């Protein structure tokens, strides 16, 4: 997809402030340091539309990125950030779940995990939550540049076994090696009724 005019639209925690355009939404979930912002920037071929941070857990609101008025990338707060207080974790958890349960414009969940490591308990918890949501989803094994390219396929198979995935795509990704974006766009476009110019 040739993205022309992406823009950051709003950060919010309440459904009163969610965009009311009715555009479909592609939702990004994953632990705090998994690279959701870098994923967005790589997919839309921009350096810094989505703000990246060296400090995990920086995203504490729901960020909506308008992609050419066709759909939104929606970046949810990451989980598993130990420096966030228990009260903050509970607050973030509540508005995140509220979004996932009530938002009827979600077309696809993109669940990012680390290709280098076995899933954490938090990862399994999120995966099970996604399964029970009955929403379409794909799993992205991020940070593929951190391992030898010859080991990527085997690592993908290992993650499939860990999650028990046999029917949903699990794709490698890297913001450094930009060789995986086309496959991810294909999966996104399968779930969107939009122009593929």
C-alpha atoms as a PDB file:
ATOM      1  CA  UNK A   1       0.000   0.000   0.000  1.00  0.00           C
ATOM      2  CA  UNK A   2       1.272   3.448  -0.907  1.00  0.00           C
ATOM      3  CA  UNK A   3       0.512   5.598   2.119  1.00  0.00           C
ATOM      4  CA  UNK A   4       0.380   9.278   1.188  1.00  0.00           C
ATOM      5  CA  UNK A   5      -0.881  11.426   4.053  1.00  0.00           C
ATOM      6  CA  UNK A   6      -0.837   9.635   7.402  1.00  0.00           C
ATOM      7  CA  UNK A   7      -1.420  11.764  10.462  1.00  0.00           C
ATOM      8  CA  UNK A   8      -1.576  11.450  14.202  1.00  0.00           C
ATOM      9  CA  UNK A   9      -5.139  12.249  15.229  1.00  0.00           C
ATOM     10  CA  UNK A  10      -5.619  11.906  18.990  1.00  0.00           C
ATOM     11  CA  UNK A  11      -4.430  10.325  22.240  1.00  0.00           C
ATOM     12  CA  UNK A  12      -7.206   9.534  24.670  1.00  0.00           C
ATOM     13  CA  UNK A  13      -8.425   7.177  27.379  1.00  0.00           C
ATOM     14  CA  UNK A  14     -12.199   7.644  27.099  1.00  0.00           C
ATOM     15  CA  UNK A  15     -14.673   6.501  24.466  1.00  0.00           C
ATOM     16  CA  UNK A  16     -16.051  10.053  24.548  1.00  0.00           C
ATOM     17  CA  UNK A  17     -12.907  11.135  22.713  1.00  0.00           C
ATOM     18  CA  UNK A  18     -12.499   8.277  20.236  1.00  0.00           C
ATOM     19  CA  UNK A  19     -12.683   9.373  16.580  1.00  0.00           C
ATOM     20  CA  UNK A  20     -16.249   9.359  15.263  1.00  0.00           C
ATOM     21  CA  UNK A  21     -15.379   8.925  11.577  1.00  0.00           C
ATOM     22  CA  UNK A  22     -16.509   5.298  11.484  1.00  0.00           C
ATOM     23  CA  UNK A  23     -13.287   4.292   9.720  1.00  0.00           C
ATOM     24  CA  UNK A  24     -12.055   0.726  10.315  1.00  0.00           C
ATOM     25  CA  UNK A  25      -9.362   0.263  12.936  1.00  0.00           C
ATOM     26  CA  UNK A  26      -6.270  -1.942  12.982  1.00  0.00           C
ATOM     27  CA  UNK A  27      -5.287  -2.401  16.627  1.00  0.00           C
ATOM     28  CA  UNK A  28      -1.727  -2.993  17.845  1.00  0.00           C
ATOM     29  CA  UNK A  29      -1.163  -4.863  21.100  1.00  0.00           C
ATOM     30  CA  UNK A  30       1.985  -6.177  22.760  1.00  0.00           C
ATOM     31  CA  UNK A  31       4.336  -5.680  25.663  1.00  0.00           C
ATOM     32  CA  UNK A  32       5.811  -2.267  26.392  1.00  0.00           C
ATOM     33  CA  UNK A  33       9.146  -2.661  24.617  1.00  0.00           C
ATOM     34  CA  UNK A  34       7.973  -4.655  21.596  1.00  0.00           C
ATOM     35  CA  UNK A  35       8.216  -1.804  19.084  1.00  0.00           C
ATOM     36  CA  UNK A  36       4.639  -0.924  18.140  1.00  0.00           C
ATOM     37  CA  UNK A  37       5.545   2.681  17.242  1.00  0.00           C
ATOM     38  CA  UNK A  38       8.445   1.545  15.071  1.00  0.00           C
ATOM     39  CA  UNK A  39       6.108  -0.963  13.411  1.00  0.00           C
ATOM     40  CA  UNK A  40       3.711   1.838  12.461  1.00  0.00           C
ATOM     41  CA  UNK A  41       6.505   4.085  11.163  1.00  0.00           C
ATOM     42  CA  UNK A  42       7.959   1.270   9.055  1.00  0.00           C
ATOM     43  CA  UNK A  43       4.602   0.240   7.606  1.00  0.00           C
ATOM     44  CA  UNK A  44       3.764   3.789   6.501  1.00  0.00           C
ATOM     45  CA  UNK A  45       7.365   4.584   5.473  1.00  0.00           C
ATOM     46  CA  UNK A  46       7.747   7.507   7.858  1.00  0.00           C
ATOM     47  CA  UNK A  47      10.542   8.097  10.348  1.00  0.00           C
ATOM     48  CA  UNK A  48       8.708   9.529  13.313  1.00  0.00           C
ATOM     49  CA  UNK A  49       4.939   9.861  12.914  1.00  0.00           C
ATOM     50  CA  UNK A  50       4.486   7.431  15.790  1.00  0.00           C
ATOM     51  CA  UNK A  51       6.672   8.569  18.652  1.00  0.00           C
ATOM     52  CA  UNK A  52       9.194   5.977  19.746  1.00  0.00           C
ATOM     53  CA  UNK A  53      10.855   6.008  23.131  1.00  0.00           C
ATOM     54  CA  UNK A  54      13.848   4.307  24.731  1.00  0.00           C
ATOM     55  CA  UNK A  55      11.775   4.092  27.914  1.00  0.00           C
ATOM     56  CA  UNK A  56       9.311   1.157  27.922  1.00  0.00           C
ATOM     57  CA  UNK A  57       5.804   1.970  29.065  1.00  0.00           C
ATOM     58  CA  UNK A  58       5.783   5.513  27.704  1.00  0.00           C
ATOM     59  CA  UNK A  59       2.456   4.989  25.918  1.00  0.00           C
ATOM     60  CA  UNK A  60      -0.227   5.366  28.582  1.00  0.00           C
ATOM     61  CA  UNK A  61      -3.069   6.407  26.302  1.00  0.00           C
ATOM     62  CA  UNK A  62      -4.707   5.027  23.182  1.00  0.00           C
ATOM     63  CA  UNK A  63      -3.116   6.630  20.115  1.00  0.00           C
ATOM     64  CA  UNK A  64      -5.088   6.904  16.867  1.00  0.00           C
ATOM     65  CA  UNK A  65      -3.160   7.335  13.592  1.00  0.00           C
ATOM     66  CA  UNK A  66      -5.293   8.234  10.577  1.00  0.00           C
ATOM     67  CA  UNK A  67      -3.958   6.494   7.470  1.00  0.00           C
ATOM     68  CA  UNK A  68      -5.058   8.489   4.403  1.00  0.00           C
ATOM     69  CA  UNK A  69      -8.628   8.688   5.770  1.00  0.00           C
ATOM     70  CA  UNK A  70      -8.946   4.988   4.929  1.00  0.00           C
ATOM     71  CA  UNK A  71      -8.389   3.419   8.345  1.00  0.00           C
ATOM     72  CA  UNK A  72      -6.664   3.920  11.690  1.00  0.00           C
ATOM     73  CA  UNK A  73      -3.679   2.246  13.225  1.00  0.00           C
ATOM     74  CA  UNK A  74      -4.594   2.223  16.920  1.00  0.00           C
ATOM     75  CA  UNK A  75      -1.676   1.815  19.333  1.00  0.00           C
ATOM     76  CA  UNK A  76      -2.779   0.472  22.707  1.00  0.00           C
ATOM     77  CA  UNK A  77      -0.612   0.884  25.842  1.00  0.00           C
ATOM     78  CA  UNK A  78       1.908  -1.892  26.245  1.00  0.00           C
ATOM     79  CA  UNK A  79       1.715  -4.365  29.108  1.00  0.00           C
ATOM     80  CA  UNK A  80       4.300  -5.831  31.428  1.00  0.00           C
ATOM     81  CA  UNK A  81       5.981  -2.550  32.393  1.00  0.00           C
ATOM     82  CA  UNK A  82       7.119  -3.025  35.979  1.00  0.00           C
ATOM     83  CA  UNK A  83       7.845   0.657  36.751  1.00  0.00           C
ATOM     84  CA  UNK A  84       4.196   1.598  36.295  1.00  0.00           C
ATOM     85  CA  UNK A  85       2.441   1.677  39.660  1.00  0.00           C
ATOM     86  CA  UNK A  86      -0.239  -0.909  40.409  1.00  0.00           C
ATOM     87  CA  UNK A  87      -2.891   1.808  40.334  1.00  0.00           C
ATOM     88  CA  UNK A  88      -1.632   3.039  36.937  1.00  0.00           C
ATOM     89  CA  UNK A  89      -1.628  -0.532  35.605  1.00  0.00           C
ATOM     90  CA  UNK A  90      -5.220  -1.027  36.728  1.00  0.00           C
ATOM     91  CA  UNK A  91      -6.324   2.274  35.179  1.00  0.00           C
ATOM     92  CA  UNK A  92      -4.623   1.497  31.866  1.00  0.00           C
ATOM     93  CA  UNK A  93      -6.025  -2.029  31.940  1.00  0.00           C
ATOM     94  CA  UNK A  94      -9.568  -0.745  32.426  1.00  0.00           C
ATOM     95  CA  UNK A  95      -9.636   1.730  29.556  1.00  0.00           C
ATOM     96  CA  UNK A  96      -7.768  -0.671  27.264  1.00  0.00           C
ATOM     97  CA  UNK A  97     -10.280  -3.442  27.898  1.00  0.00           C
ATOM     98  CA  UNK A  98     -13.149  -0.977  27.542  1.00  0.00           C
ATOM     99  CA  UNK A  99     -11.849  -0.064  24.080  1.00  0.00           C
ATOM    100  CA  UNK A 100     -11.427  -3.691  22.984  1.00  0.00           C
ATOM    101  CA  UNK A 101     -14.849  -4.740  24.262  1.00  0.00           C
ATOM    102  CA  UNK A 102     -16.965  -1.798  23.133  1.00  0.00           C
ATOM    103  CA  UNK A 103     -15.348  -0.492  19.958  1.00  0.00           C
ATOM    104  CA  UNK A 104     -17.274  -1.829  16.955  1.00  0.00           C
ATOM    105  CA  UNK A 105     -14.932  -0.482  14.261  1.00  0.00           C
ATOM    106  CA  UNK A 106     -12.069  -2.896  15.040  1.00  0.00           C
ATOM    107  CA  UNK A 107     -11.291  -4.888  11.895  1.00  0.00           C
ATOM    108  CA  UNK A 108      -8.056  -6.609  12.895  1.00  0.00           C
ATOM    109  CA  UNK A 109      -5.832  -7.056  15.943  1.00  0.00           C
ATOM    110  CA  UNK A 110      -2.086  -7.162  15.327  1.00  0.00           C
ATOM    111  CA  UNK A 111      -0.386  -8.887  18.247  1.00  0.00           C
ATOM    112  CA  UNK A 112       3.363  -8.197  18.387  1.00  0.00           C
ATOM    113  CA  UNK A 113       5.752 -10.571  20.150  1.00  0.00           C
ATOM    114  CA  UNK A 114       9.547 -10.871  20.259  1.00  0.00           C
ATOM    115  CA  UNK A 115      10.912 -13.384  17.744  1.00  0.00           C
ATOM    116  CA  UNK A 116      13.950 -14.027  19.968  1.00  0.00           C
ATOM    117  CA  UNK A 117      12.175 -15.246  23.067  1.00  0.00           C
ATOM    118  CA  UNK A 118       9.513 -17.626  24.254  1.00  0.00           C
ATOM    119  CA  UNK A 119       6.229 -15.840  24.994  1.00  0.00           C
ATOM    120  CA  UNK A 120       5.861 -14.441  28.512  1.00  0.00           C
ATOM    121  CA  UNK A 121       2.881 -15.145  30.755  1.00  0.00           C
ATOM    122  CA  UNK A 122       1.597 -11.686  29.822  1.00  0.00           C
ATOM    123  CA  UNK A 123       1.882 -12.639  26.147  1.00  0.00           C
ATOM    124  CA  UNK A 124      -0.153 -15.813  26.712  1.00  0.00           C
ATOM    125  CA  UNK A 125      -2.727 -13.835  28.681  1.00  0.00           C
ATOM    126  CA  UNK A 126      -3.115 -11.354  25.812  1.00  0.00           C
ATOM    127  CA  UNK A 127      -3.247 -14.131  23.234  1.00  0.00           C
ATOM    128  CA  UNK A 128      -6.029 -15.894  25.111  1.00  0.00           C
ATOM    129  CA  UNK A 129      -7.890 -12.603  25.451  1.00  0.00           C
ATOM    130  CA  UNK A 130      -7.660 -12.084  21.675  1.00  0.00           C
ATOM    131  CA  UNK A 131      -8.910 -15.616  21.017  1.00  0.00           C
ATOM    132  CA  UNK A 132     -11.949 -15.033  23.211  1.00  0.00           C
ATOM    133  CA  UNK A 133     -12.687 -11.698  21.513  1.00  0.00           C
ATOM    134  CA  UNK A 134     -13.500 -13.546  18.264  1.00  0.00           C
ATOM    135  CA  UNK A 135     -11.916 -10.683  16.328  1.00  0.00           C
ATOM    136  CA  UNK A 136      -9.662 -11.359  13.324  1.00  0.00           C
ATOM    137  CA  UNK A 137      -5.991 -11.223  14.290  1.00  0.00           C
ATOM    138  CA  UNK A 138      -2.474 -11.863  13.123  1.00  0.00           C
ATOM    139  CA  UNK A 139       0.667 -12.374  15.192  1.00  0.00           C
ATOM    140  CA  UNK A 140       3.798 -10.427  14.274  1.00  0.00           C
ATOM    141  CA  UNK A 141       7.173 -11.765  15.420  1.00  0.00           C
ATOM    142  CA  UNK A 142       9.057  -8.490  15.695  1.00  0.00           C
ATOM    143  CA  UNK A 143      12.795  -7.757  15.921  1.00  0.00           C
ATOM    144  CA  UNK A 144      13.728 -10.287  13.253  1.00  0.00           C
ATOM    145  CA  UNK A 145      16.884  -8.251  12.586  1.00  0.00           C
ATOM    146  CA  UNK A 146      18.181  -9.398  15.976  1.00  0.00           C
ATOM    147  CA  UNK A 147      18.654 -12.967  14.736  1.00  0.00           C
ATOM    148  CA  UNK A 148      20.334 -14.435  11.658  1.00  0.00           C
ATOM    149  CA  UNK A 149      18.050 -14.324   8.635  1.00  0.00           C
ATOM    150  CA  UNK A 150      18.604 -18.075   8.214  1.00  0.00           C
ATOM    151  CA  UNK A 151      17.031 -18.663  11.641  1.00  0.00           C
ATOM    152  CA  UNK A 152      13.865 -16.621  11.079  1.00  0.00           C
ATOM    153  CA  UNK A 153      11.753 -19.419   9.639  1.00  0.00           C
ATOM    154  CA  UNK A 154      12.636 -21.841  12.447  1.00  0.00           C
ATOM    155  CA  UNK A 155      11.894 -19.183  15.071  1.00  0.00           C
ATOM    156  CA  UNK A 156       8.483 -18.583  13.501  1.00  0.00           C
ATOM    157  CA  UNK A 157       7.712 -22.298  13.691  1.00  0.00           C
ATOM    158  CA  UNK A 158       8.800 -22.379  17.349  1.00  0.00           C
ATOM    159  CA  UNK A 159       6.431 -19.516  18.193  1.00  0.00           C
ATOM    160  CA  UNK A 160       3.574 -21.225  16.360  1.00  0.00           C
ATOM    161  CA  UNK A 161       4.094 -24.274  18.552  1.00  0.00           C
ATOM    162  CA  UNK A 162       4.271 -22.173  21.722  1.00  0.00           C
ATOM    163  CA  UNK A 163       0.949 -20.486  20.968  1.00  0.00           C
ATOM    164  CA  UNK A 164      -0.625 -23.511  19.294  1.00  0.00           C
ATOM    165  CA  UNK A 165      -1.284 -21.480  16.149  1.00  0.00           C
ATOM    166  CA  UNK A 166      -2.313 -23.460  13.109  1.00  0.00           C
ATOM    167  CA  UNK A 167      -4.905 -21.250  11.422  1.00  0.00           C
ATOM    168  CA  UNK A 168      -3.852 -17.632  11.905  1.00  0.00           C
ATOM    169  CA  UNK A 169      -0.883 -15.939  10.218  1.00  0.00           C
ATOM    170  CA  UNK A 170       2.313 -15.525  12.229  1.00  0.00           C
ATOM    171  CA  UNK A 171       4.717 -13.322  10.294  1.00  0.00           C
ATOM    172  CA  UNK A 172       8.253 -12.053  10.916  1.00  0.00           C
ATOM    173  CA  UNK A 173       8.880  -8.316  11.010  1.00  0.00           C
ATOM    174  CA  UNK A 174      11.754  -5.906  11.424  1.00  0.00           C
ATOM    175  CA  UNK A 175      11.964  -2.130  11.291  1.00  0.00           C
ATOM    176  CA  UNK A 176      15.592  -2.551  10.210  1.00  0.00           C
ATOM    177  CA  UNK A 177      15.067  -5.197   7.525  1.00  0.00           C
ATOM    178  CA  UNK A 178      12.209  -3.752   5.545  1.00  0.00           C
ATOM    179  CA  UNK A 179      11.649  -6.989   3.626  1.00  0.00           C
ATOM    180  CA  UNK A 180       8.590  -8.132   5.539  1.00  0.00           C
ATOM    181  CA  UNK A 181       6.209  -5.213   5.082  1.00  0.00           C
ATOM    182  CA  UNK A 182       4.516  -6.455   1.902  1.00  0.00           C
ATOM    183  CA  UNK A 183       3.390  -9.689   3.543  1.00  0.00           C
ATOM    184  CA  UNK A 184       1.971  -7.765   6.496  1.00  0.00           C
ATOM    185  CA  UNK A 185       0.140  -5.325   4.211  1.00  0.00           C
ATOM    186  CA  UNK A 186      -1.417  -8.286   2.389  1.00  0.00           C
ATOM    187  CA  UNK A 187      -2.870  -9.558   5.655  1.00  0.00           C
ATOM    188  CA  UNK A 188      -4.124  -6.100   6.621  1.00  0.00           C
ATOM    189  CA  UNK A 189      -5.754  -5.571   3.239  1.00  0.00           C
ATOM    190  CA  UNK A 190      -7.564  -8.908   3.509  1.00  0.00           C
ATOM    191  CA  UNK A 191      -9.434  -7.410   6.453  1.00  0.00           C
ATOM    192  CA  UNK A 192     -10.156  -4.005   4.924  1.00  0.00           C
ATOM    193  CA  UNK A 193     -12.455  -3.007   2.098  1.00  0.00           C
ATOM    194  CA  UNK A 194     -10.253  -0.175   0.874  1.00  0.00           C
ATOM    195  CA  UNK A 195      -8.370   0.847  -2.230  1.00  0.00           C
ATOM    196  CA  UNK A 196      -4.928  -0.754  -2.620  1.00  0.00           C
ATOM    197  CA  UNK A 197      -3.383   1.970  -4.729  1.00  0.00           C
END
